[in-house]
Amino acid sequence: MNIGILIIAIVGGATGLLSTAYLAISFPAVLLWKLYRRVVHRIPLTQ
């Protein structure tokens, strides 16, 4: 296999993996933060 194609495949795979990991971690973190603020500070979820 051509080395250029291999590098592009590795970089593209790493980019997809990192963006998926970011979304998988940040989305639940935001929800938990909003729930925490709702319970502790009585702030509505929409603010």
PDB file of N, CA and C in Angstrom:
ATOM      1  N   MET A   1       0.845  -1.184   0.000  1.00  0.00           N
ATOM      2  CA  MET A   1       0.000   0.000   0.000  1.00  0.00           C
ATOM      3  C   MET A   1       0.888   1.244   0.000  1.00  0.00           C
ATOM      4  N   ASN A   2       0.434   2.262  -0.668  1.00  0.00           N
ATOM      5  CA  ASN A   2       1.178   3.502  -0.772  1.00  0.00           C
ATOM      6  C   ASN A   2       1.278   4.178   0.606  1.00  0.00           C
ATOM      7  N   ILE A   3       2.465   4.706   0.936  1.00  0.00           N
ATOM      8  CA  ILE A   3       2.691   5.318   2.242  1.00  0.00           C
ATOM      9  C   ILE A   3       1.824   6.557   2.445  1.00  0.00           C
ATOM     10  N   GLY A   4       1.576   7.321   1.382  1.00  0.00           N
ATOM     11  CA  GLY A   4       0.737   8.520   1.487  1.00  0.00           C
ATOM     12  C   GLY A   4      -0.699   8.172   1.859  1.00  0.00           C
ATOM     13  N   ILE A   5      -1.213   7.138   1.210  1.00  0.00           N
ATOM     14  CA  ILE A   5      -2.594   6.700   1.512  1.00  0.00           C
ATOM     15  C   ILE A   5      -2.663   6.169   2.939  1.00  0.00           C
ATOM     16  N   LEU A   6      -1.642   5.487   3.379  1.00  0.00           N
ATOM     17  CA  LEU A   6      -1.613   4.940   4.733  1.00  0.00           C
ATOM     18  C   LEU A   6      -1.604   6.077   5.768  1.00  0.00           C
ATOM     19  N   ILE A   7      -0.828   7.119   5.527  1.00  0.00           N
ATOM     20  CA  ILE A   7      -0.784   8.256   6.455  1.00  0.00           C
ATOM     21  C   ILE A   7      -2.139   8.963   6.490  1.00  0.00           C
ATOM     22  N   ILE A   8      -2.742   9.164   5.324  1.00  0.00           N
ATOM     23  CA  ILE A   8      -4.061   9.804   5.270  1.00  0.00           C
ATOM     24  C   ILE A   8      -5.099   8.962   6.012  1.00  0.00           C
ATOM     25  N   ALA A   9      -5.044   7.647   5.879  1.00  0.00           N
ATOM     26  CA  ALA A   9      -5.983   6.767   6.567  1.00  0.00           C
ATOM     27  C   ALA A   9      -5.794   6.836   8.086  1.00  0.00           C
ATOM     28  N   ILE A  10      -4.547   6.897   8.542  1.00  0.00           N
ATOM     29  CA  ILE A  10      -4.277   6.972   9.989  1.00  0.00           C
ATOM     30  C   ILE A  10      -4.744   8.309  10.550  1.00  0.00           C
ATOM     31  N   VAL A  11      -4.428   9.406   9.843  1.00  0.00           N
ATOM     32  CA  VAL A  11      -4.845  10.728  10.308  1.00  0.00           C
ATOM     33  C   VAL A  11      -6.373  10.840  10.311  1.00  0.00           C
ATOM     34  N   GLY A  12      -7.021  10.355   9.275  1.00  0.00           N
ATOM     35  CA  GLY A  12      -8.484  10.398   9.208  1.00  0.00           C
ATOM     36  C   GLY A  12      -9.126   9.542  10.293  1.00  0.00           C
ATOM     37  N   GLY A  13      -8.566   8.370  10.545  1.00  0.00           N
ATOM     38  CA  GLY A  13      -9.088   7.512  11.599  1.00  0.00           C
ATOM     39  C   GLY A  13      -8.912   8.130  12.974  1.00  0.00           C
ATOM     40  N   ALA A  14      -7.757   8.744  13.208  1.00  0.00           N
ATOM     41  CA  ALA A  14      -7.509   9.392  14.498  1.00  0.00           C
ATOM     42  C   ALA A  14      -8.440  10.584  14.697  1.00  0.00           C
ATOM     43  N   THR A  15      -8.692  11.340  13.629  1.00  0.00           N
ATOM     44  CA  THR A  15      -9.609  12.480  13.713  1.00  0.00           C
ATOM     45  C   THR A  15     -11.011  12.018  14.068  1.00  0.00           C
ATOM     46  N   GLY A  16     -11.479  10.980  13.421  1.00  0.00           N
ATOM     47  CA  GLY A  16     -12.805  10.441  13.725  1.00  0.00           C
ATOM     48  C   GLY A  16     -12.886   9.895  15.133  1.00  0.00           C
ATOM     49  N   LEU A  17     -11.841   9.227  15.578  1.00  0.00           N
ATOM     50  CA  LEU A  17     -11.825   8.671  16.928  1.00  0.00           C
ATOM     51  C   LEU A  17     -11.846   9.775  17.984  1.00  0.00           C
ATOM     52  N   LEU A  18     -11.046  10.813  17.779  1.00  0.00           N
ATOM     53  CA  LEU A  18     -10.999  11.911  18.748  1.00  0.00           C
ATOM     54  C   LEU A  18     -12.310  12.693  18.797  1.00  0.00           C
ATOM     55  N   SER A  19     -12.920  12.947  17.649  1.00  0.00           N
ATOM     56  CA  SER A  19     -14.182  13.683  17.660  1.00  0.00           C
ATOM     57  C   SER A  19     -15.297  12.854  18.291  1.00  0.00           C
ATOM     58  N   THR A  20     -15.299  11.557  18.066  1.00  0.00           N
ATOM     59  CA  THR A  20     -16.291  10.684  18.695  1.00  0.00           C
ATOM     60  C   THR A  20     -16.084  10.629  20.197  1.00  0.00           C
ATOM     61  N   ALA A  21     -14.849  10.537  20.647  1.00  0.00           N
ATOM     62  CA  ALA A  21     -14.559  10.501  22.082  1.00  0.00           C
ATOM     63  C   ALA A  21     -14.964  11.822  22.738  1.00  0.00           C
ATOM     64  N   TYR A  22     -14.709  12.935  22.069  1.00  0.00           N
ATOM     65  CA  TYR A  22     -15.092  14.241  22.613  1.00  0.00           C
ATOM     66  C   TYR A  22     -16.604  14.332  22.796  1.00  0.00           C
ATOM     67  N   LEU A  23     -17.353  13.919  21.789  1.00  0.00           N
ATOM     68  CA  LEU A  23     -18.811  13.978  21.894  1.00  0.00           C
ATOM     69  C   LEU A  23     -19.332  13.010  22.956  1.00  0.00           C
ATOM     70  N   ALA A  24     -18.734  11.832  23.045  1.00  0.00           N
ATOM     71  CA  ALA A  24     -19.188  10.839  24.022  1.00  0.00           C
ATOM     72  C   ALA A  24     -18.920  11.293  25.447  1.00  0.00           C
ATOM     73  N   ILE A  25     -17.914  12.115  25.659  1.00  0.00           N
ATOM     74  CA  ILE A  25     -17.585  12.586  27.012  1.00  0.00           C
ATOM     75  C   ILE A  25     -18.287  13.912  27.318  1.00  0.00           C
ATOM     76  N   SER A  26     -18.312  14.833  26.364  1.00  0.00           N
ATOM     77  CA  SER A  26     -18.828  16.170  26.664  1.00  0.00           C
ATOM     78  C   SER A  26     -20.343  16.217  26.787  1.00  0.00           C
ATOM     79  N   PHE A  27     -21.067  15.449  25.999  1.00  0.00           N
ATOM     80  CA  PHE A  27     -22.529  15.512  26.055  1.00  0.00           C
ATOM     81  C   PHE A  27     -23.066  15.072  27.416  1.00  0.00           C
ATOM     82  N   PRO A  28     -22.660  13.918  27.949  1.00  0.00           N
ATOM     83  CA  PRO A  28     -23.127  13.569  29.300  1.00  0.00           C
ATOM     84  C   PRO A  28     -22.612  14.539  30.367  1.00  0.00           C
ATOM     85  N   ALA A  29     -21.424  15.088  30.184  1.00  0.00           N
ATOM     86  CA  ALA A  29     -20.880  16.035  31.166  1.00  0.00           C
ATOM     87  C   ALA A  29     -21.739  17.293  31.232  1.00  0.00           C
ATOM     88  N   VAL A  30     -22.187  17.794  30.103  1.00  0.00           N
ATOM     89  CA  VAL A  30     -23.041  18.985  30.084  1.00  0.00           C
ATOM     90  C   VAL A  30     -24.381  18.674  30.745  1.00  0.00           C
ATOM     91  N   LEU A  31     -24.937  17.507  30.460  1.00  0.00           N
ATOM     92  CA  LEU A  31     -26.206  17.143  31.081  1.00  0.00           C
ATOM     93  C   LEU A  31     -26.068  17.025  32.594  1.00  0.00           C
ATOM     94  N   LEU A  32     -24.989  16.405  33.050  1.00  0.00           N
ATOM     95  CA  LEU A  32     -24.776  16.284  34.493  1.00  0.00           C
ATOM     96  C   LEU A  32     -24.569  17.656  35.138  1.00  0.00           C
ATOM     97  N   TRP A  33     -23.848  18.544  34.467  1.00  0.00           N
ATOM     98  CA  TRP A  33     -23.634  19.893  34.997  1.00  0.00           C
ATOM     99  C   TRP A  33     -24.951  20.657  35.104  1.00  0.00           C
ATOM    100  N   LYS A  34     -25.806  20.524  34.092  1.00  0.00           N
ATOM    101  CA  LYS A  34     -27.097  21.203  34.139  1.00  0.00           C
ATOM    102  C   LYS A  34     -27.972  20.635  35.253  1.00  0.00           C
ATOM    103  N   LEU A  35     -27.961  19.332  35.437  1.00  0.00           N
ATOM    104  CA  LEU A  35     -28.731  18.730  36.522  1.00  0.00           C
ATOM    105  C   LEU A  35     -28.196  19.160  37.887  1.00  0.00           C
ATOM    106  N   TYR A  36     -26.899  19.230  38.013  1.00  0.00           N
ATOM    107  CA  TYR A  36     -26.289  19.688  39.268  1.00  0.00           C
ATOM    108  C   TYR A  36     -26.730  21.119  39.582  1.00  0.00           C
ATOM    109  N   ARG A  37     -26.654  22.010  38.592  1.00  0.00           N
ATOM    110  CA  ARG A  37     -27.080  23.395  38.801  1.00  0.00           C
ATOM    111  C   ARG A  37     -28.555  23.467  39.131  1.00  0.00           C
ATOM    112  N   ARG A  38     -29.350  22.595  38.508  1.00  0.00           N
ATOM    113  CA  ARG A  38     -30.797  22.579  38.766  1.00  0.00           C
ATOM    114  C   ARG A  38     -31.078  22.188  40.214  1.00  0.00           C
ATOM    115  N   VAL A  39     -30.395  21.183  40.715  1.00  0.00           N
ATOM    116  CA  VAL A  39     -30.657  20.678  42.064  1.00  0.00           C
ATOM    117  C   VAL A  39     -30.072  21.620  43.113  1.00  0.00           C
ATOM    118  N   VAL A  40     -28.844  22.063  42.939  1.00  0.00           N
ATOM    119  CA  VAL A  40     -28.160  22.831  43.980  1.00  0.00           C
ATOM    120  C   VAL A  40     -28.584  24.298  43.978  1.00  0.00           C
ATOM    121  N   HIS A  41     -28.657  24.916  42.815  1.00  0.00           N
ATOM    122  CA  HIS A  41     -28.889  26.361  42.741  1.00  0.00           C
ATOM    123  C   HIS A  41     -30.300  26.734  42.275  1.00  0.00           C
ATOM    124  N   ARG A  42     -31.117  25.763  41.981  1.00  0.00           N
ATOM    125  CA  ARG A  42     -32.487  26.005  41.504  1.00  0.00           C
ATOM    126  C   ARG A  42     -32.523  26.825  40.213  1.00  0.00           C
ATOM    127  N   ILE A  43     -31.552  26.599  39.339  1.00  0.00           N
ATOM    128  CA  ILE A  43     -31.499  27.286  38.056  1.00  0.00           C
ATOM    129  C   ILE A  43     -32.228  26.417  37.024  1.00  0.00           C
ATOM    130  N   PRO A  44     -33.097  27.010  36.196  1.00  0.00           N
ATOM    131  CA  PRO A  44     -33.796  26.198  35.181  1.00  0.00           C
ATOM    132  C   PRO A  44     -32.819  25.537  34.209  1.00  0.00           C
ATOM    133  N   LEU A  45     -33.222  24.399  33.666  1.00  0.00           N
ATOM    134  CA  LEU A  45     -32.354  23.658  32.745  1.00  0.00           C
ATOM    135  C   LEU A  45     -32.105  24.426  31.450  1.00  0.00           C
ATOM    136  N   THR A  46     -32.982  25.343  31.099  1.00  0.00           N
ATOM    137  CA  THR A  46     -32.843  26.035  29.818  1.00  0.00           C
ATOM    138  C   THR A  46     -31.928  27.247  29.876  1.00  0.00           C
ATOM    139  N   GLN A  47     -31.384  27.585  31.024  1.00  0.00           N
ATOM    140  CA  GLN A  47     -30.464  28.727  31.099  1.00  0.00           C
ATOM    141  C   GLN A  47     -29.045  28.261  31.146  1.00  0.00           C
TER     142      GLN A  47
END
